[in-house]
Amino acid sequence: MGILKVALVGLLLGVWTWSAQQSVQEKPHQLPIGGHAGAVAIADLNRDGKPDIIAARIDTGTVSVFLGDGRGGFARAPGSPFMAGNNPEDLAVGDFDEDSHLDVVVANHETSYLTLLFGDGKGALAPASQSRIPISSRPHPHGVEARDFNGDRHLDLAVESRDENAVLIYLGDGQGHFAQDSKRLSVGRGPYWKLRSGDLNNDGKDDLVTTDNEGSSISIVYADRSGKFQPAKHIATAQAPFAIAIGDVNADRYPDLAVVHRRGDSKPDLDALTVLLGRGNGVFVAAPQSPWNIGTSPTAIAIGDFDGDGIGDIAIASMGSNNVTVLLGSRSELRRANTSQYAVGQAPTAIALGDLNGDGKADIVTGNWGSGNVSVVLGR
């Protein structure tokens, strides 16, 4: 993965307007990791009704857990960090053994496995009895998603296989075990970063979407009502689609897609943002003036309700300029937040949004590869 940089400028959906609906703390809280922080996730690991933060450290192969107090404060969980296999690149959270405690699956970059960590319901994670889940991703996994893809009410796993232009599905049995053989789903050229999942056509079934970094497209693989996947649908985009997020940014109750494009330092002119507006029937249409020039190397993207108006907003992490840019959604247009760029740690490579202080508005969490920490930016 090359050095990533971002700075958002230009027009979005025809007009930029300013909004003062959400202000944030002057400086983010920094939670120390000690090395190259990677993927981050927000979930209630200790079952106290308050969101916690899970953060991977790539260079030591560990996952740290920070328990939240519901007011925006965090403390390291006892025993944290926890061993998580080599190069943890992405995280998926779910109850994989169905004991009512959340667990974590890690995508291990430059390996041939995923790592399963069982939660104890108190904030600690421990390797499952068969913690390494062998996979056949080529050359290795970058992302992982957990959903019930076949309708048996047990969580399954999806991993991209870049060199095969495919997504691999590993079916779970609800006891923390996964099938050795995968189901291969063909997608576009070079699905690279982190595939994502959601109900993209409002039929009650979770679908899959990949960014096809070498194919100038995204691929959507729809699941039908019987849990079977249909052939991938390809939607053309600008070159080098990299990271993707799912959410409703225009209040029509249909999921939309936000895509950032990058090729790294070699071709910074490809860096851009595309917003694809969903019609609710599996059809997505590029918003006016997509793609937009947004500076250099957008890294990671998330959608959440940043200003508390019930409409999804877009947050983009910038590895090069050490900040996060927020675009507020509305029924008519996307518009910049009052302060559209928020300082975080150095070289953020991952982002998650969630209400960490109970005010009904999404806060920002980034994993900072360069400064070895996690930034928490609280709205107020």
Protein backbone atom coordinates (compact mmCIF):
# COMPACT_ATOMS: atom_id res chain seq x y z
CA MET A 1 0.00 0.00 0.00
CA GLY A 2 1.52 3.31 -1.04
CA ILE A 3 1.58 6.56 0.86
CA LEU A 4 -1.90 8.04 0.93
CA LYS A 5 -2.80 11.71 0.91
CA VAL A 6 -6.04 13.73 0.70
CA ALA A 7 -7.38 17.27 0.71
CA LEU A 8 -10.96 17.87 -0.36
CA VAL A 9 -11.65 20.88 -2.59
CA GLY A 10 -14.11 21.76 -5.33
CA LEU A 11 -17.81 21.39 -5.89
CA LEU A 12 -20.05 18.58 -4.69
CA LEU A 13 -23.49 17.97 -6.17
CA GLY A 14 -23.27 21.29 -7.95
CA VAL A 15 -22.95 23.68 -4.96
CA TRP A 16 -20.88 23.90 -1.80
CA THR A 17 -22.69 25.46 1.15
CA TRP A 18 -21.54 25.90 4.71
CA SER A 19 -23.09 24.38 7.80
CA ALA A 20 -22.51 25.03 11.49
CA GLN A 21 -24.66 22.16 12.68
CA GLN A 22 -21.79 20.23 14.25
CA SER A 23 -18.67 21.52 15.96
CA VAL A 24 -15.93 19.34 17.38
CA GLN A 25 -13.29 19.45 20.05
CA GLU A 26 -10.24 21.52 19.16
CA LYS A 27 -7.87 18.58 19.48
CA PRO A 28 -8.69 14.88 19.14
CA HIS A 29 -8.12 12.39 21.92
CA GLN A 30 -5.17 10.15 21.06
CA LEU A 31 -5.26 6.53 22.21
CA PRO A 32 -1.78 5.02 22.07
CA ILE A 33 -1.17 1.86 20.05
CA GLY A 34 2.62 2.04 19.96
CA GLY A 35 3.15 1.20 16.31
CA HIS A 36 1.52 1.13 12.88
CA ALA A 37 -2.18 1.37 13.62
CA GLY A 38 -4.44 -0.13 10.99
CA ALA A 39 -8.12 -1.04 10.89
CA VAL A 40 -10.54 0.32 13.47
CA ALA A 41 -14.06 -0.69 14.47
CA ILE A 42 -16.67 0.48 16.96
CA ALA A 43 -18.71 -2.10 18.91
CA ASP A 44 -19.91 -2.88 22.45
CA LEU A 45 -17.52 -5.65 23.47
CA ASN A 46 -18.28 -5.63 27.20
CA ARG A 47 -22.07 -5.49 26.93
CA ASP A 48 -22.52 -2.35 28.98
CA GLY A 49 -24.48 -0.50 26.29
CA LYS A 50 -21.57 1.83 25.57
CA PRO A 51 -19.50 1.74 22.38
CA ASP A 52 -15.92 0.53 22.56
CA ILE A 53 -13.07 0.87 20.05
CA ILE A 54 -11.16 -2.00 18.46
CA ALA A 55 -7.91 -1.15 16.71
CA ALA A 56 -5.38 -3.32 14.89
CA ARG A 57 -1.63 -2.80 15.06
CA ILE A 58 -0.09 -4.07 11.85
CA ASP A 59 3.59 -4.34 12.78
CA THR A 60 3.08 -6.46 15.92
CA GLY A 61 0.07 -8.48 14.84
CA THR A 62 -2.14 -7.36 17.72
CA VAL A 63 -5.58 -5.91 18.35
CA SER A 64 -6.18 -3.35 21.08
CA VAL A 65 -9.52 -2.81 22.80
CA PHE A 66 -10.44 0.50 24.42
CA LEU A 67 -13.57 0.38 26.59
CA GLY A 68 -15.84 3.40 26.39
CA ASP A 69 -17.55 5.14 29.28
CA GLY A 70 -20.39 6.47 27.10
CA ARG A 71 -19.19 10.06 27.53
CA GLY A 72 -16.31 9.94 25.06
CA GLY A 73 -13.68 8.59 27.44
CA PHE A 74 -11.80 5.34 26.85
CA ALA A 75 -9.60 3.00 28.90
CA ARG A 76 -7.57 0.07 27.69
CA ALA A 77 -9.30 -3.27 28.36
CA PRO A 78 -7.55 -5.65 30.78
CA GLY A 79 -5.10 -7.82 28.86
CA SER A 80 -5.12 -5.58 25.81
CA PRO A 81 -3.49 -5.79 23.27
CA PHE A 82 -4.41 -9.28 22.07
CA MET A 83 -2.50 -11.39 19.56
CA ALA A 84 -4.21 -11.44 16.17
CA GLY A 85 -1.91 -13.03 13.59
CA ASN A 86 0.47 -11.34 11.17
CA ASN A 87 -0.35 -7.97 9.63
CA PRO A 88 -3.98 -7.43 10.70
CA GLU A 89 -5.39 -5.38 7.83
CA ASP A 90 -9.16 -5.37 8.35
CA LEU A 91 -11.67 -6.27 11.08
CA ALA A 92 -15.15 -7.80 11.10
CA VAL A 93 -17.16 -7.92 14.33
CA GLY A 94 -19.96 -10.38 15.06
CA ASP A 95 -21.11 -13.22 17.31
CA PHE A 96 -19.51 -16.10 15.43
CA ASP A 97 -20.06 -18.77 18.12
CA GLU A 98 -23.52 -17.49 19.11
CA ASP A 99 -22.83 -17.10 22.82
CA SER A 100 -24.18 -13.51 22.88
CA HIS A 101 -20.65 -12.09 23.11
CA LEU A 102 -19.17 -10.18 20.19
CA ASP A 103 -16.12 -11.70 18.52
CA VAL A 104 -13.61 -10.36 15.99
CA VAL A 105 -12.29 -11.77 12.72
CA VAL A 106 -9.08 -10.28 11.34
CA ALA A 107 -7.92 -10.26 7.72
CA ASN A 108 -4.18 -10.97 7.85
CA HIS A 109 -2.33 -9.26 5.02
CA GLU A 110 0.46 -11.22 3.27
CA THR A 111 -0.78 -14.51 4.75
CA SER A 112 -3.13 -17.30 3.71
CA TYR A 113 -5.44 -17.06 6.72
CA LEU A 114 -7.88 -15.05 8.78
CA THR A 115 -7.74 -14.96 12.58
CA LEU A 116 -10.78 -15.53 14.78
CA LEU A 117 -10.78 -14.06 18.29
CA PHE A 118 -13.58 -14.91 20.70
CA GLY A 119 -14.91 -12.23 23.03
CA ASP A 120 -15.65 -12.96 26.67
CA GLY A 121 -18.35 -10.30 27.03
CA LYS A 122 -16.08 -8.23 29.30
CA GLY A 123 -13.86 -6.63 26.66
CA ALA A 124 -11.18 -9.31 26.34
CA LEU A 125 -10.40 -11.29 23.18
CA ALA A 126 -8.82 -14.74 22.98
CA PRO A 127 -7.91 -16.99 20.05
CA ALA A 128 -10.53 -19.58 19.15
CA SER A 129 -9.52 -23.23 19.37
CA GLN A 130 -9.02 -23.10 15.61
CA SER A 131 -8.21 -19.42 15.45
CA ARG A 132 -6.54 -19.49 12.04
CA ILE A 133 -9.07 -19.83 9.26
CA PRO A 134 -7.25 -20.98 6.11
CA ILE A 135 -8.31 -19.15 2.96
CA SER A 136 -7.24 -19.25 -0.68
CA SER A 137 -7.21 -15.52 -1.44
CA ARG A 138 -4.66 -14.57 -4.09
CA PRO A 139 -2.20 -13.14 -3.32
CA HIS A 140 -3.53 -12.54 0.22
CA PRO A 141 -6.51 -10.95 2.00
CA HIS A 142 -6.97 -7.22 2.39
CA GLY A 143 -10.57 -7.09 3.62
CA VAL A 144 -13.17 -9.22 5.36
CA GLU A 145 -16.94 -8.91 5.81
CA ALA A 146 -19.24 -10.93 8.08
CA ARG A 147 -22.89 -11.52 7.16
CA ASP A 148 -25.38 -14.36 6.91
CA PHE A 149 -25.02 -14.80 3.18
CA ASN A 150 -26.89 -18.10 2.76
CA GLY A 151 -29.84 -17.46 5.04
CA ASP A 152 -29.13 -20.16 7.65
CA ARG A 153 -28.89 -17.56 10.47
CA HIS A 154 -25.18 -18.19 10.99
CA LEU A 155 -22.53 -15.61 10.14
CA ASP A 156 -20.40 -16.27 7.09
CA LEU A 157 -17.25 -14.55 5.87
CA ALA A 158 -16.42 -12.83 2.58
CA VAL A 159 -12.85 -12.09 1.44
CA GLU A 160 -11.60 -10.63 -1.82
CA SER A 161 -9.16 -12.50 -4.07
CA ARG A 162 -7.52 -9.77 -6.11
CA ASP A 163 -5.50 -11.84 -8.58
CA GLU A 164 -8.51 -14.02 -9.38
CA ASN A 165 -10.92 -11.08 -9.80
CA ALA A 166 -13.17 -12.80 -7.30
CA VAL A 167 -14.80 -12.73 -3.88
CA LEU A 168 -14.58 -15.84 -1.70
CA ILE A 169 -17.45 -16.86 0.61
CA TYR A 170 -16.74 -19.11 3.60
CA LEU A 171 -19.88 -20.45 5.27
CA GLY A 172 -20.05 -20.51 9.07
CA ASP A 173 -21.76 -23.07 11.30
CA GLY A 174 -22.55 -20.80 14.24
CA GLN A 175 -19.92 -22.45 16.44
CA GLY A 176 -16.93 -20.50 15.20
CA HIS A 177 -16.05 -22.92 12.40
CA PHE A 178 -15.99 -22.13 8.69
CA ALA A 179 -16.07 -24.31 5.59
CA GLN A 180 -12.69 -25.13 4.10
CA ASP A 181 -13.97 -24.76 0.57
CA SER A 182 -15.13 -21.39 -0.58
CA LYS A 183 -17.73 -20.25 -3.06
CA ARG A 184 -16.12 -18.03 -5.71
CA LEU A 185 -17.97 -15.04 -7.07
CA SER A 186 -16.50 -13.32 -10.12
CA VAL A 187 -16.20 -9.53 -9.92
CA GLY A 188 -14.29 -6.86 -11.84
CA ARG A 189 -10.55 -6.49 -12.34
CA GLY A 190 -8.42 -6.20 -9.25
CA PRO A 191 -10.77 -6.04 -6.24
CA TYR A 192 -8.17 -4.66 -3.91
CA TRP A 193 -8.92 -2.83 -0.72
CA LYS A 194 -11.84 -3.65 1.55
CA LEU A 195 -15.02 -5.16 0.18
CA ARG A 196 -18.22 -4.13 1.94
CA SER A 197 -21.71 -5.56 2.37
CA GLY A 198 -25.26 -4.33 2.81
CA ASP A 199 -28.78 -4.62 1.42
CA LEU A 200 -28.30 -2.58 -1.74
CA ASN A 201 -31.63 -3.31 -3.43
CA ASN A 202 -33.98 -3.39 -0.41
CA ASP A 203 -34.95 -7.05 -0.66
CA GLY A 204 -33.86 -7.95 2.86
CA LYS A 205 -30.72 -9.80 1.70
CA ASP A 206 -27.15 -8.62 2.17
CA ASP A 207 -25.26 -7.98 -1.04
CA LEU A 208 -21.54 -7.49 -1.68
CA VAL A 209 -19.70 -4.61 -3.32
CA THR A 210 -16.05 -4.38 -4.35
CA THR A 211 -13.91 -1.60 -5.74
CA ASP A 212 -12.19 -2.95 -8.85
CA ASN A 213 -8.96 -1.00 -8.65
CA GLU A 214 -7.65 -2.15 -12.04
CA GLY A 215 -10.99 -2.12 -13.80
CA SER A 216 -12.39 1.42 -13.36
CA SER A 217 -15.56 0.01 -11.89
CA ILE A 218 -17.27 -1.25 -8.80
CA SER A 219 -18.91 -4.67 -8.75
CA ILE A 220 -22.13 -5.46 -6.92
CA VAL A 221 -23.03 -9.08 -6.30
CA TYR A 222 -26.70 -9.30 -5.37
CA ALA A 223 -28.11 -12.11 -3.25
CA ASP A 224 -31.60 -13.29 -4.16
CA ARG A 225 -34.33 -14.29 -1.73
CA SER A 226 -33.02 -17.85 -1.59
CA GLY A 227 -29.57 -16.66 -0.53
CA LYS A 228 -27.96 -17.37 -3.90
CA PHE A 229 -25.73 -14.77 -5.49
CA GLN A 230 -26.42 -13.45 -8.96
CA PRO A 231 -23.70 -12.63 -11.52
CA ALA A 232 -21.91 -9.42 -10.61
CA LYS A 233 -23.20 -6.14 -11.92
CA HIS A 234 -20.43 -3.72 -12.91
CA ILE A 235 -20.84 0.04 -12.60
CA ALA A 236 -18.27 2.16 -14.42
CA THR A 237 -16.38 4.74 -12.36
CA ALA A 238 -13.32 6.93 -12.70
CA GLN A 239 -9.99 5.13 -12.65
CA ALA A 240 -8.56 3.44 -9.57
CA PRO A 241 -11.58 3.04 -7.27
CA PHE A 242 -10.07 2.22 -3.90
CA ALA A 243 -12.30 2.40 -0.81
CA ILE A 244 -16.09 2.34 -0.53
CA ALA A 245 -18.82 3.08 2.03
CA ILE A 246 -22.55 2.35 2.08
CA GLY A 247 -25.22 4.68 3.46
CA ASP A 248 -28.15 6.97 2.64
CA VAL A 249 -26.76 10.46 2.01
CA ASN A 250 -29.86 12.05 0.40
CA ALA A 251 -32.66 10.93 2.75
CA ASP A 252 -34.59 8.89 0.18
CA ARG A 253 -34.23 5.76 2.36
CA TYR A 254 -32.24 3.99 -0.32
CA PRO A 255 -28.58 3.07 0.19
CA ASP A 256 -26.00 5.10 -1.71
CA LEU A 257 -22.33 4.39 -2.37
CA ALA A 258 -19.38 6.72 -1.77
CA VAL A 259 -16.13 5.77 -3.49
CA VAL A 260 -12.67 7.27 -3.21
CA HIS A 261 -10.13 6.74 -5.97
CA ARG A 262 -6.36 6.59 -5.66
CA ARG A 263 -3.29 5.02 -7.23
CA GLY A 264 -0.79 6.24 -4.66
CA ASP A 265 2.07 8.64 -5.23
CA SER A 266 2.71 7.34 -8.75
CA LYS A 267 -0.48 8.88 -10.18
CA PRO A 268 -1.93 11.48 -7.80
CA ASP A 269 -3.98 12.92 -10.67
CA LEU A 270 -6.35 9.94 -10.36
CA ASP A 271 -7.40 10.86 -6.82
CA ALA A 272 -11.12 11.61 -6.69
CA LEU A 273 -14.46 11.08 -4.98
CA THR A 274 -17.51 9.50 -6.62
CA VAL A 275 -21.00 9.39 -5.08
CA LEU A 276 -23.42 6.87 -6.59
CA LEU A 277 -27.03 7.51 -5.64
CA GLY A 278 -29.19 4.41 -5.20
CA ARG A 279 -32.70 4.12 -6.61
CA GLY A 280 -33.73 1.32 -4.27
CA ASN A 281 -33.98 -1.30 -7.01
CA GLY A 282 -30.30 -2.06 -7.47
CA VAL A 283 -29.73 0.83 -9.86
CA PHE A 284 -27.07 3.40 -8.98
CA VAL A 285 -26.54 6.70 -10.78
CA ALA A 286 -23.54 8.97 -10.41
CA ALA A 287 -24.37 12.20 -8.65
CA PRO A 288 -23.93 15.34 -10.77
CA GLN A 289 -20.29 16.22 -11.45
CA SER A 290 -18.93 12.90 -10.17
CA PRO A 291 -16.04 12.38 -9.87
CA TRP A 292 -14.69 15.39 -8.05
CA ASN A 293 -11.04 16.31 -7.66
CA ILE A 294 -10.20 16.04 -3.97
CA GLY A 295 -6.45 16.35 -3.66
CA THR A 296 -4.08 13.42 -3.26
CA SER A 297 -4.58 9.82 -2.15
CA PRO A 298 -7.87 9.50 -0.25
CA THR A 299 -7.42 6.57 2.08
CA ALA A 300 -10.56 5.38 3.82
CA ILE A 301 -14.20 6.41 3.82
CA ALA A 302 -17.21 5.97 6.10
CA ILE A 303 -20.82 7.14 6.24
CA GLY A 304 -22.63 8.10 9.46
CA ASP A 305 -24.90 10.79 10.86
CA PHE A 306 -22.33 13.39 11.87
CA ASP A 307 -24.72 16.30 12.47
CA GLY A 308 -27.64 14.39 13.97
CA ASP A 309 -30.23 15.24 11.32
CA GLY A 310 -31.01 11.62 10.47
CA ILE A 311 -29.22 11.76 7.10
CA GLY A 312 -25.93 10.04 6.35
CA ASP A 313 -22.77 12.13 6.05
CA ILE A 314 -19.47 11.18 4.40
CA ALA A 315 -16.11 11.21 6.19
CA ILE A 316 -12.85 10.67 4.31
CA ALA A 317 -9.51 10.00 6.01
CA SER A 318 -6.41 11.62 4.53
CA MET A 319 -3.14 9.82 5.11
CA GLY A 320 -1.03 12.56 3.58
CA SER A 321 -2.55 15.64 5.21
CA ASN A 322 -3.33 13.96 8.55
CA ASN A 323 -7.00 14.93 8.64
CA VAL A 324 -10.57 13.87 8.00
CA THR A 325 -12.89 15.73 5.65
CA VAL A 326 -16.63 15.65 6.37
CA LEU A 327 -19.39 16.25 3.82
CA LEU A 328 -22.90 16.62 5.22
CA GLY A 329 -25.74 14.89 3.41
CA SER A 330 -29.16 16.43 2.78
CA ARG A 331 -32.21 15.97 0.59
CA SER A 332 -30.78 18.28 -2.06
CA GLU A 333 -27.00 18.33 -1.89
CA LEU A 334 -23.87 17.46 0.02
CA ARG A 335 -22.31 20.39 1.82
CA ARG A 336 -19.23 20.99 3.85
CA ALA A 337 -19.34 20.77 7.62
CA ASN A 338 -18.60 23.96 9.54
CA THR A 339 -14.96 22.96 9.71
CA SER A 340 -14.74 20.55 6.81
CA GLN A 341 -11.33 19.14 7.74
CA TYR A 342 -10.52 17.80 11.20
CA ALA A 343 -6.99 17.12 12.39
CA VAL A 344 -6.17 13.57 13.48
CA GLY A 345 -2.92 11.66 13.94
CA GLN A 346 -0.27 11.11 11.31
CA ALA A 347 -1.09 9.08 8.20
CA PRO A 348 -4.60 7.79 9.03
CA THR A 349 -5.35 4.61 7.05
CA ALA A 350 -8.69 3.61 8.56
CA ILE A 351 -11.85 5.34 9.75
CA ALA A 352 -15.02 4.45 11.65
CA LEU A 353 -18.00 6.56 12.72
CA GLY A 354 -20.20 6.06 15.78
CA ASP A 355 -21.87 7.94 18.63
CA LEU A 356 -19.25 7.69 21.35
CA ASN A 357 -20.57 10.27 23.80
CA GLY A 358 -24.32 9.71 23.65
CA ASP A 359 -25.30 12.97 21.96
CA GLY A 360 -27.01 11.34 18.98
CA LYS A 361 -24.29 12.37 16.53
CA ALA A 362 -21.57 10.26 14.97
CA ASP A 363 -18.02 10.84 16.18
CA ILE A 364 -14.83 10.05 14.27
CA VAL A 365 -12.28 7.34 14.98
CA THR A 366 -9.16 6.90 12.84
CA GLY A 367 -6.31 4.40 12.93
CA ASN A 368 -3.09 6.35 12.33
CA TRP A 369 -0.34 4.36 10.67
CA GLY A 370 2.26 7.11 11.00
CA SER A 371 1.84 8.23 14.62
CA GLY A 372 1.04 4.83 16.11
CA ASN A 373 -2.22 5.81 17.73
CA VAL A 374 -5.99 6.05 17.36
CA SER A 375 -7.64 9.47 17.13
CA VAL A 376 -11.06 10.14 18.59
CA VAL A 377 -12.76 13.32 17.37
CA LEU A 378 -15.88 14.06 19.38
CA GLY A 379 -18.69 16.32 18.20
CA ARG A 380 -20.27 18.70 20.66
